[in-house]
Amino acid sequence: MYPGLAVAQELVAEGSTGTARGTLSGVTRDEPVEILYVGGTGGAEERLVARAGLRFVGVSAGGLHGLAPRYAVPNLIKLLRGWWEARRLGLQERPMTLFATGGYASIPVALAAWTLRVPILVYLPDIEPGLAVRFIARLAARVGVTVEDSRAYFPARKVVVTGYPVRAEFRGLDRAEARASLGLTPGVPVLLVLGGSRGARSINRALSGVLEQVLDMAQVVHVSGELDWPWVEERREALPASLKARYHAFPYLHENMGPALAAADMALCRAGASTLGELPFFGLPAVLVPYPHAWRYQRVNAEWLAGQGAALRLEDEHLPDALLPTVRQLLCDRAALARMSERMRALARPDASARLAGELLTLARAAS
């Protein structure tokens, strides 16, 4: 959802005034921008969209891939209901363009837009498309992709390589100011450990197992996720005072996520789509641990970044034994870490939001 929010911010900046709309958007260059974000009913995105000050409408949706029939059939009914809800919404709102970023909630919205002859721009955040993006790409006028390697999955006439759009609040951050805002000590290396909004339990547990040794080498900014926060907080409180001062743990970061990325010397995290945009934007080398119980997209993302010399990949099952020596190797070899940082930064496309916004504006003009 963050690419959608980043593009919405850019569209608002392109217009003069107005409110923001993300999955269905009606825009022209010389009029106020109006953006409506359409997502799955009851999802976490509704809360995050509200924090961004955008209007949100939920539609029914459910996944089908890999589900047993007793689960797939009810979800199919949800998708059909979601299509009807999205079509009715489209008739009310009369959008000029649709921006979709995949996920099962995008499918009924894309189908509704297609039946209403609303031009679609679908964006692929990852390297390899999932079923939702593959399907929506058949209906779309344009397909935005993060990297050149993704061109192979779509008709050449539709594809534009834009890079990954990062949020506007990430721009212009100063490392020293970012470290000060988080209470970090100047001159001491910073390891950023990310688990996302729900957390990454295997990463949290592996870090906890070697926490004292890691804190002897570096300060740690740890975003544990809400689910593991109670025991992570207890772990922090049990540390000696000298180590506790180096351990900055949070259940989740909102406005401070940008400063955390800007402050870090290296990251330990999963390999979701954001790693293809946010890590390059900050030139942040990483140890990537693909989530093992999902489709292969995280593995592909991690392999791609590792292949560029910008990251190292660890398997989830090897994490308890490999975490400490891997972190020690990188923190003790500052030259190697600097080379990884340079290679990561070389992958950045800071104008990605503007390019995607420009594609939407072009579709809107053509539709009008």
Protein backbone atom coordinates (compact mmCIF):
# COMPACT_ATOMS: atom_id res chain seq x y z
CA MET A 1 0.00 0.00 0.00
CA TYR A 2 2.93 2.39 0.56
CA PRO A 3 3.63 2.80 -3.19
CA GLY A 4 0.01 3.89 -3.57
CA LEU A 5 0.37 6.43 -0.79
CA ALA A 6 3.61 7.75 -2.28
CA VAL A 7 1.99 8.25 -5.68
CA ALA A 8 -1.05 9.87 -4.05
CA GLN A 9 1.27 12.37 -2.35
CA GLU A 10 2.87 13.14 -5.70
CA LEU A 11 -0.50 13.62 -7.39
CA VAL A 12 -1.61 16.04 -4.69
CA ALA A 13 1.66 17.93 -5.16
CA GLU A 14 1.00 18.06 -8.93
CA GLY A 15 -2.40 19.68 -8.40
CA SER A 16 -3.14 22.96 -6.69
CA THR A 17 -5.44 21.88 -3.85
CA GLY A 18 -7.69 19.01 -3.02
CA THR A 19 -8.10 15.76 -1.21
CA ALA A 20 -6.30 12.59 -2.02
CA ARG A 21 -7.82 9.44 -3.75
CA GLY A 22 -5.20 6.00 -4.22
CA THR A 23 -6.76 3.10 -5.93
CA LEU A 24 -9.37 5.01 -7.95
CA SER A 25 -8.11 8.45 -8.93
CA GLY A 26 -9.51 11.25 -11.02
CA VAL A 27 -6.83 13.74 -12.02
CA THR A 28 -6.01 16.46 -14.51
CA ARG A 29 -2.97 18.71 -14.39
CA ASP A 30 -4.84 22.00 -14.15
CA GLU A 31 -7.51 21.00 -11.62
CA PRO A 32 -7.42 20.09 -7.93
CA VAL A 33 -6.42 16.47 -7.36
CA GLU A 34 -9.05 14.20 -5.88
CA ILE A 35 -7.96 10.74 -4.75
CA LEU A 36 -9.98 7.90 -3.30
CA TYR A 37 -8.18 4.90 -1.81
CA VAL A 38 -10.13 1.65 -2.25
CA GLY A 39 -8.99 -1.38 -0.28
CA GLY A 40 -10.15 -4.53 1.43
CA THR A 41 -12.80 -4.11 4.11
CA GLY A 42 -11.48 -4.47 7.64
CA GLY A 43 -7.78 -4.46 6.71
CA ALA A 44 -4.92 -2.61 8.42
CA GLU A 45 -4.57 -0.37 5.37
CA GLU A 46 -7.71 1.55 6.34
CA ARG A 47 -6.00 2.81 9.51
CA LEU A 48 -2.80 3.71 7.67
CA VAL A 49 -4.66 5.49 4.88
CA ALA A 50 -6.55 7.53 7.47
CA ARG A 51 -3.21 8.53 9.06
CA ALA A 52 -2.19 9.85 5.64
CA GLY A 53 -5.30 12.01 5.50
CA LEU A 54 -6.83 10.20 2.53
CA ARG A 55 -10.40 9.15 1.92
CA PHE A 56 -10.88 5.37 2.13
CA VAL A 57 -13.64 3.05 0.92
CA GLY A 58 -13.56 -0.68 1.64
CA VAL A 59 -14.82 -3.40 -0.69
CA SER A 60 -15.27 -7.13 -0.14
CA ALA A 61 -12.33 -9.27 -1.22
CA GLY A 62 -10.61 -12.56 -0.47
CA GLY A 63 -7.68 -14.58 -1.75
CA LEU A 64 -8.04 -17.74 -3.85
CA HIS A 65 -4.51 -18.95 -4.56
CA GLY A 66 -3.53 -22.13 -2.72
CA LEU A 67 -6.78 -22.40 -0.74
CA ALA A 68 -8.85 -25.53 -0.25
CA PRO A 69 -12.28 -25.42 -1.96
CA ARG A 70 -14.12 -24.88 1.35
CA TYR A 71 -12.22 -21.59 1.72
CA ALA A 72 -11.89 -20.65 -1.94
CA VAL A 73 -15.62 -20.72 -2.68
CA PRO A 74 -16.58 -18.18 0.04
CA ASN A 75 -13.71 -15.95 -1.07
CA LEU A 76 -14.87 -16.17 -4.69
CA ILE A 77 -18.27 -14.96 -3.52
CA LYS A 78 -16.51 -12.09 -1.69
CA LEU A 79 -14.66 -11.14 -4.89
CA LEU A 80 -17.89 -11.09 -6.87
CA ARG A 81 -19.52 -8.96 -4.18
CA GLY A 82 -16.45 -6.71 -4.22
CA TRP A 83 -16.74 -6.28 -8.00
CA TRP A 84 -20.34 -5.17 -7.63
CA GLU A 85 -19.43 -2.76 -4.81
CA ALA A 86 -16.51 -1.33 -6.80
CA ARG A 87 -18.62 -0.95 -9.93
CA ARG A 88 -21.32 0.91 -8.01
CA LEU A 89 -18.61 3.10 -6.46
CA GLY A 90 -17.14 3.79 -9.90
CA LEU A 91 -20.53 4.89 -11.24
CA GLN A 92 -20.83 7.28 -8.30
CA GLU A 93 -17.31 8.69 -8.42
CA ARG A 94 -16.65 8.63 -12.18
CA PRO A 95 -12.87 8.21 -11.88
CA MET A 96 -10.63 9.05 -14.81
CA THR A 97 -7.88 6.56 -13.95
CA LEU A 98 -7.21 3.58 -11.71
CA PHE A 99 -3.86 2.95 -10.02
CA ALA A 100 -3.50 -0.62 -8.73
CA THR A 101 -0.58 -2.25 -6.91
CA GLY A 102 -1.72 -5.87 -6.70
CA GLY A 103 -3.20 -7.89 -3.87
CA TYR A 104 -6.53 -9.63 -3.97
CA ALA A 105 -8.44 -6.44 -3.07
CA SER A 106 -7.26 -4.90 -6.34
CA ILE A 107 -8.91 -7.54 -8.51
CA PRO A 108 -12.60 -6.57 -8.07
CA VAL A 109 -11.67 -2.87 -8.35
CA ALA A 110 -9.71 -3.49 -11.57
CA LEU A 111 -12.56 -5.53 -13.05
CA ALA A 112 -15.01 -2.76 -12.21
CA ALA A 113 -12.75 -0.12 -13.78
CA TRP A 114 -12.33 -2.23 -16.92
CA THR A 115 -16.09 -2.68 -17.37
CA LEU A 116 -16.52 1.09 -16.93
CA ARG A 117 -13.77 1.79 -19.48
CA VAL A 118 -11.56 3.50 -16.91
CA PRO A 119 -7.88 3.25 -17.99
CA ILE A 120 -5.73 1.24 -15.58
CA LEU A 121 -2.11 1.65 -14.54
CA VAL A 122 -0.96 -1.38 -12.58
CA TYR A 123 2.33 -1.19 -10.71
CA LEU A 124 4.52 -4.17 -9.80
CA PRO A 125 6.50 -3.41 -6.60
CA ASP A 126 8.34 -6.75 -6.57
CA ILE A 127 10.66 -8.30 -9.14
CA GLU A 128 8.28 -11.08 -10.14
CA PRO A 129 4.51 -10.55 -10.47
CA GLY A 130 1.98 -12.48 -8.45
CA LEU A 131 -1.32 -13.72 -9.81
CA ALA A 132 -3.19 -10.48 -9.07
CA VAL A 133 -0.74 -8.27 -10.98
CA ARG A 134 -0.56 -10.77 -13.86
CA PHE A 135 -4.34 -10.71 -14.14
CA ILE A 136 -4.74 -6.95 -13.83
CA ALA A 137 -1.94 -6.40 -16.38
CA ARG A 138 -4.19 -8.02 -19.01
CA LEU A 139 -6.75 -5.28 -18.41
CA ALA A 140 -4.30 -2.42 -17.94
CA ALA A 141 -3.27 0.27 -20.39
CA ARG A 142 0.14 0.60 -18.72
CA VAL A 143 2.29 -1.54 -16.42
CA GLY A 144 4.84 0.16 -14.18
CA VAL A 145 7.71 -1.99 -12.92
CA THR A 146 10.44 -1.43 -10.36
CA VAL A 147 13.40 -2.89 -12.27
CA GLU A 148 14.36 -3.71 -15.84
CA ASP A 149 14.31 -7.45 -15.16
CA SER A 150 10.52 -7.35 -14.73
CA ARG A 151 9.93 -6.33 -18.36
CA ALA A 152 10.04 -10.00 -19.36
CA TYR A 153 6.70 -10.73 -17.67
CA PHE A 154 4.54 -8.27 -19.65
CA PRO A 155 3.91 -7.09 -23.22
CA ALA A 156 6.68 -4.65 -24.13
CA ARG A 157 4.22 -2.01 -25.41
CA LYS A 158 2.64 -1.66 -21.96
CA VAL A 159 5.73 -1.54 -19.75
CA VAL A 160 7.46 1.48 -18.24
CA VAL A 161 10.33 1.09 -15.75
CA THR A 162 9.72 3.62 -13.00
CA GLY A 163 11.55 2.37 -9.90
CA TYR A 164 9.89 2.01 -6.50
CA PRO A 165 8.05 5.13 -5.22
CA VAL A 166 9.09 6.17 -1.70
CA ARG A 167 7.04 8.37 0.59
CA ALA A 168 7.57 12.12 0.49
CA GLU A 169 8.55 12.24 4.17
CA PHE A 170 11.68 10.20 3.41
CA ARG A 171 13.18 13.00 1.35
CA GLY A 172 15.73 15.43 2.73
CA LEU A 173 16.49 13.53 5.94
CA ASP A 174 19.88 14.23 7.53
CA ARG A 175 21.64 11.29 9.20
CA ALA A 176 22.90 13.26 12.20
CA GLU A 177 19.47 14.79 12.80
CA ALA A 178 17.80 11.40 12.34
CA ARG A 179 20.08 9.82 14.94
CA ALA A 180 19.46 12.64 17.37
CA SER A 181 15.68 12.33 16.95
CA LEU A 182 15.88 8.64 17.94
CA GLY A 183 18.21 9.24 20.87
CA LEU A 184 21.15 7.45 19.23
CA THR A 185 24.78 8.08 20.17
CA PRO A 186 26.96 9.69 17.46
CA GLY A 187 29.89 7.61 16.23
CA VAL A 188 28.47 4.19 17.20
CA PRO A 189 27.25 1.88 14.37
CA VAL A 190 23.49 1.44 14.07
CA LEU A 191 21.75 -1.83 13.12
CA LEU A 192 18.11 -1.47 12.08
CA VAL A 193 16.01 -4.61 12.58
CA LEU A 194 12.59 -4.59 10.91
CA GLY A 195 9.69 -6.97 11.31
CA GLY A 196 6.87 -4.94 9.73
CA SER A 197 3.53 -4.04 11.34
CA ARG A 198 2.87 -7.61 12.53
CA GLY A 199 6.52 -8.46 13.04
CA ALA A 200 8.82 -11.26 11.95
CA ARG A 201 8.92 -13.71 14.83
CA SER A 202 11.94 -15.71 13.67
CA ILE A 203 13.98 -12.51 13.28
CA ASN A 204 12.83 -11.23 16.66
CA ARG A 205 13.74 -14.50 18.39
CA ALA A 206 17.11 -14.81 16.65
CA LEU A 207 18.03 -11.26 17.61
CA SER A 208 16.93 -11.86 21.20
CA GLY A 209 19.20 -14.92 21.39
CA VAL A 210 22.31 -12.88 20.62
CA LEU A 211 21.16 -9.44 21.72
CA GLU A 212 23.91 -8.75 24.25
CA GLN A 213 26.66 -9.68 21.79
CA VAL A 214 25.14 -7.48 19.06
CA LEU A 215 24.77 -4.56 21.48
CA ASP A 216 28.47 -4.84 22.32
CA MET A 217 29.13 -3.98 18.64
CA ALA A 218 26.34 -1.58 17.72
CA GLN A 219 23.25 0.32 18.69
CA VAL A 220 20.06 -1.47 17.64
CA VAL A 221 16.83 0.09 16.44
CA HIS A 222 14.36 -2.80 16.58
CA VAL A 223 10.85 -2.58 15.12
CA SER A 224 9.36 -5.79 16.52
CA GLY A 225 5.77 -5.59 15.31
CA GLU A 226 2.74 -5.50 17.59
CA LEU A 227 2.42 -9.28 18.15
CA ASP A 228 5.83 -9.79 19.77
CA TRP A 229 6.05 -6.42 21.49
CA PRO A 230 5.12 -7.55 25.04
CA TRP A 231 8.03 -9.99 25.38
CA VAL A 232 10.42 -7.75 23.40
CA GLU A 233 9.68 -4.95 25.86
CA GLU A 234 10.34 -7.33 28.77
CA ARG A 235 13.64 -8.37 27.15
CA ARG A 236 14.70 -4.74 26.89
CA GLU A 237 13.83 -3.98 30.50
CA ALA A 238 15.93 -6.95 31.69
CA LEU A 239 19.12 -5.68 30.01
CA PRO A 240 21.95 -4.09 32.02
CA ALA A 241 21.73 -0.31 31.95
CA SER A 242 24.78 0.08 29.68
CA LEU A 243 23.26 -2.21 27.02
CA LYS A 244 19.69 -1.01 27.49
CA ALA A 245 20.84 2.48 26.45
CA ARG A 246 21.92 1.02 23.09
CA TYR A 247 18.68 -0.90 22.46
CA HIS A 248 15.89 1.20 20.96
CA ALA A 249 12.87 -1.08 20.55
CA PHE A 250 9.46 -0.12 19.20
CA PRO A 251 6.31 -2.08 18.33
CA TYR A 252 5.96 -0.05 15.13
CA LEU A 253 7.19 3.19 13.63
CA HIS A 254 5.06 5.56 11.60
CA GLU A 255 6.49 9.06 11.19
CA ASN A 256 9.87 7.89 12.52
CA MET A 257 10.41 5.13 9.97
CA GLY A 258 12.24 7.55 7.67
CA PRO A 259 14.64 8.69 10.41
CA ALA A 260 15.26 5.06 11.40
CA LEU A 261 16.28 4.20 7.83
CA ALA A 262 18.38 7.36 7.51
CA ALA A 263 20.15 6.70 10.82
CA ALA A 264 21.16 3.08 10.18
CA ASP A 265 24.45 1.67 8.89
CA MET A 266 22.85 -1.65 7.94
CA ALA A 267 19.49 -3.39 8.14
CA LEU A 268 18.24 -6.86 9.03
CA CYS A 269 14.79 -7.50 7.59
CA ARG A 270 12.48 -9.50 5.38
CA ALA A 271 12.62 -8.99 1.61
CA GLY A 272 9.24 -7.48 0.84
CA ALA A 273 8.79 -5.07 -2.03
CA SER A 274 9.74 -2.01 0.02
CA THR A 275 13.33 -3.29 0.26
CA LEU A 276 13.65 -2.62 -3.49
CA GLY A 277 12.89 1.05 -2.99
CA GLU A 278 13.55 2.20 0.55
CA LEU A 279 16.92 0.50 1.06
CA PRO A 280 18.33 1.91 -2.23
CA PHE A 281 16.91 5.36 -1.46
CA PHE A 282 18.96 5.48 1.75
CA GLY A 283 21.90 3.47 0.41
CA LEU A 284 21.33 1.03 3.25
CA PRO A 285 23.08 -2.36 2.92
CA ALA A 286 21.08 -5.25 4.33
CA VAL A 287 20.94 -8.81 5.51
CA LEU A 288 17.72 -10.11 3.98
CA VAL A 289 15.76 -13.05 5.40
CA PRO A 290 12.95 -14.00 2.98
CA TYR A 291 9.73 -15.12 4.64
CA PRO A 292 9.65 -18.89 4.04
CA HIS A 293 5.91 -19.54 4.33
CA ALA A 294 4.64 -17.45 1.43
CA TRP A 295 4.92 -17.29 -2.31
CA ARG A 296 8.46 -16.93 -3.68
CA TYR A 297 8.46 -13.17 -4.31
CA GLN A 298 10.57 -12.36 -1.24
CA ARG A 299 13.17 -14.92 -2.24
CA VAL A 300 13.35 -13.41 -5.73
CA ASN A 301 13.68 -9.89 -4.30
CA ALA A 302 16.47 -10.98 -1.95
CA GLU A 303 18.34 -12.85 -4.68
CA TRP A 304 18.14 -9.81 -6.96
CA LEU A 305 19.55 -7.41 -4.37
CA ALA A 306 22.24 -9.90 -3.35
CA GLY A 307 23.13 -10.33 -7.02
CA GLN A 308 23.71 -6.58 -7.26
CA GLY A 309 26.21 -6.77 -4.39
CA ALA A 310 23.95 -4.62 -2.21
CA ALA A 311 22.76 -7.23 0.30
CA LEU A 312 23.38 -10.65 1.82
CA ARG A 313 20.66 -13.31 1.96
CA LEU A 314 20.09 -15.64 4.90
CA GLU A 315 17.64 -18.52 4.99
CA ASP A 316 15.12 -18.30 7.79
CA GLU A 317 16.03 -21.71 9.23
CA HIS A 318 19.72 -20.75 9.43
CA LEU A 319 19.05 -17.45 11.18
CA PRO A 320 19.66 -18.52 14.83
CA ASP A 321 23.18 -19.77 14.02
CA ALA A 322 24.12 -17.36 11.21
CA LEU A 323 22.83 -14.03 12.51
CA LEU A 324 25.64 -13.13 14.89
CA PRO A 325 28.61 -14.08 12.64
CA THR A 326 27.00 -12.33 9.66
CA VAL A 327 26.37 -9.10 11.56
CA ARG A 328 29.85 -9.22 13.10
CA GLN A 329 31.45 -9.80 9.68
CA LEU A 330 29.79 -6.73 8.17
CA LEU A 331 30.19 -4.40 11.13
CA CYS A 332 33.88 -5.29 11.43
CA ASP A 333 34.56 -4.84 7.70
CA ARG A 334 33.66 -1.22 7.15
CA ALA A 335 35.12 -1.19 3.64
CA ALA A 336 32.87 -4.07 2.56
CA LEU A 337 29.87 -2.38 4.15
CA ALA A 338 30.69 0.86 2.33
CA ARG A 339 30.88 -1.00 -1.01
CA MET A 340 27.48 -2.57 -0.36
CA SER A 341 26.09 0.86 0.49
CA GLU A 342 27.38 2.32 -2.78
CA ARG A 343 25.89 -0.54 -4.78
CA MET A 344 22.57 -0.22 -2.96
CA ARG A 345 22.42 3.53 -3.58
CA ALA A 346 23.18 3.00 -7.27
CA LEU A 347 19.86 1.13 -7.56
CA ALA A 348 17.79 4.08 -6.33
CA ARG A 349 15.30 5.85 -8.58
CA PRO A 350 14.29 8.93 -6.58
CA ASP A 351 11.88 10.12 -9.28
CA ALA A 352 9.73 6.95 -9.22
CA SER A 353 6.71 8.65 -7.61
CA ALA A 354 6.82 11.47 -10.15
CA ARG A 355 7.12 9.03 -13.06
CA LEU A 356 4.12 6.98 -11.94
CA ALA A 357 2.12 10.14 -11.25
CA GLY A 358 3.02 11.35 -14.74
CA GLU A 359 1.78 8.11 -16.28
CA LEU A 360 -1.53 8.49 -14.44
CA LEU A 361 -1.88 12.09 -15.58
CA THR A 362 -1.26 11.02 -19.17
CA LEU A 363 -3.96 8.35 -18.93
CA ALA A 364 -6.34 10.85 -17.34
CA ARG A 365 -5.79 13.39 -20.12
CA ALA A 366 -6.38 10.74 -22.76
CA ALA A 367 -9.56 9.60 -21.02
CA SER A 368 -10.88 13.16 -20.75
